[in-house]
């Protein structure tokens, strides 16, 4: 009877760690993506939103 709450607490901890790792990975990838394209965007004198709007429009 005591094992079920312990199981859910353990599962909650594992899920919380997985969410933190996922959020950190997505954050790092996002920063790297914008940093990689920054030199090109600055060289073209385009604002952030305008550059990515144009880029997304022509990638489909």
Protein backbone atom coordinates (compact mmCIF):
# COMPACT_ATOMS: atom_id res chain seq x y z
CA UNK A 1 0.00 0.00 0.00
CA UNK A 2 2.92 2.30 0.62
CA UNK A 3 4.64 1.36 -2.63
CA UNK A 4 2.17 3.14 -4.92
CA UNK A 5 2.79 6.71 -3.65
CA UNK A 6 6.54 6.00 -3.62
CA UNK A 7 6.32 4.87 -7.24
CA UNK A 8 4.49 8.05 -8.28
CA UNK A 9 6.97 10.26 -6.45
CA UNK A 10 9.85 8.50 -8.18
CA UNK A 11 8.12 8.73 -11.53
CA UNK A 12 7.43 12.43 -10.99
CA UNK A 13 11.09 13.06 -10.25
CA UNK A 14 12.16 11.21 -13.40
CA UNK A 15 9.65 13.15 -15.52
CA UNK A 16 10.76 16.46 -13.99
CA UNK A 17 14.40 15.69 -14.78
CA UNK A 18 13.47 14.73 -18.35
CA UNK A 19 11.55 18.00 -18.78
CA UNK A 20 14.50 20.04 -17.52
CA UNK A 21 16.88 18.23 -19.88
CA UNK A 22 14.48 18.73 -22.80
CA UNK A 23 14.03 22.43 -22.06
CA UNK A 24 17.79 22.94 -21.72
CA UNK A 25 18.47 21.12 -25.00
CA UNK A 26 15.83 23.13 -26.85
CA UNK A 27 17.24 26.35 -25.38
CA UNK A 28 20.79 25.54 -26.45
CA UNK A 29 19.67 24.59 -29.96
CA UNK A 30 17.65 27.79 -30.28
CA UNK A 31 20.54 30.00 -29.17
CA UNK A 32 22.94 28.19 -31.52
CA UNK A 33 20.49 28.58 -34.43
CA UNK A 34 20.12 32.33 -33.96
CA UNK A 35 23.85 32.80 -33.31
CA UNK A 36 24.76 30.88 -36.47
CA UNK A 37 22.57 33.11 -38.63
CA UNK A 38 23.41 36.39 -36.88
CA UNK A 39 26.44 37.27 -39.04
CA UNK A 40 24.44 36.87 -42.25
CA UNK A 41 21.48 38.82 -40.87
CA UNK A 42 23.68 41.70 -39.66
CA UNK A 43 25.58 41.78 -42.97
CA UNK A 44 22.25 42.13 -44.81
CA UNK A 45 21.05 44.84 -42.36
CA UNK A 46 17.81 42.99 -41.68
CA UNK A 47 15.85 43.02 -38.44
CA UNK A 48 15.50 39.73 -36.58
CA UNK A 49 11.82 39.12 -37.37
CA UNK A 50 12.10 40.21 -41.00
CA UNK A 51 15.07 37.96 -41.66
CA UNK A 52 13.40 34.82 -40.31
CA UNK A 53 10.04 35.62 -41.88
CA UNK A 54 11.75 35.84 -45.27
CA UNK A 55 13.83 32.73 -44.63
CA UNK A 56 10.82 30.64 -43.58
CA UNK A 57 8.77 31.81 -46.54
CA UNK A 58 11.30 30.41 -49.02
CA UNK A 59 12.10 27.12 -47.29
CA UNK A 60 8.79 25.44 -48.11
